[in-house]
Amino acid sequence: MHTAHHSPSTTIDATIPHAIDPLVLANHEAHALRDGDVMLFISDDRHASDDLFAWAHQTGNSVLDVESLDERRSGYYIQKGQRWAPSVVLDARGQRCPTPIIEAGRRLRFLATDEVLRLISDCPAARSDVSAWCQSTGHTLLEVVRDARGVESFYIRK
């Protein structure tokens, strides 16, 4: 299993004046990345957070982490797309364990061998429960990606 790290492939410093809007610049740079790559977007705009989360959601990217770099700048680690192309996405946010695992098991029955299910969960116990469940069922937990808001995506291969 691979747990997402925050080693950026590229860095955009939006604190330096650019001729184009910072989100346009981020979008342009994201197109040059491979799915699963991470870019670090540095901003001193306190309103950038909402804009970046909305942009990431609209473009199929994820804000993995936000860190304070100093008293005025923040760094946003943004993952482009998904490293694993899921055949099925199961959004189980708001459901407590073991419900997400039960639903994942139901969905996986209909997938062919080697197809991937993306399980999205905000249950605090999901990480340990999904890992143990995969070990006991023979499914492969390829990766766990936790976004900056605490929502985890589990990529499970049948």
Foldseek 3Di string as FASTA:
>chain_A
DAEQDQDAPEEAEVVDDDPDDLVVVVVVVLVVDDAFHKYKYKDLDPPVVVVVCVSCVVQQKFFQAWADPDPRMIITIIGRHHPADAPEEAEPEPDEPPVLVVVVVVVVVPDDAFHKYKYKYQHPCCVVVVVVVCVVVVKDFPYWGAGHVRIIITIIGD
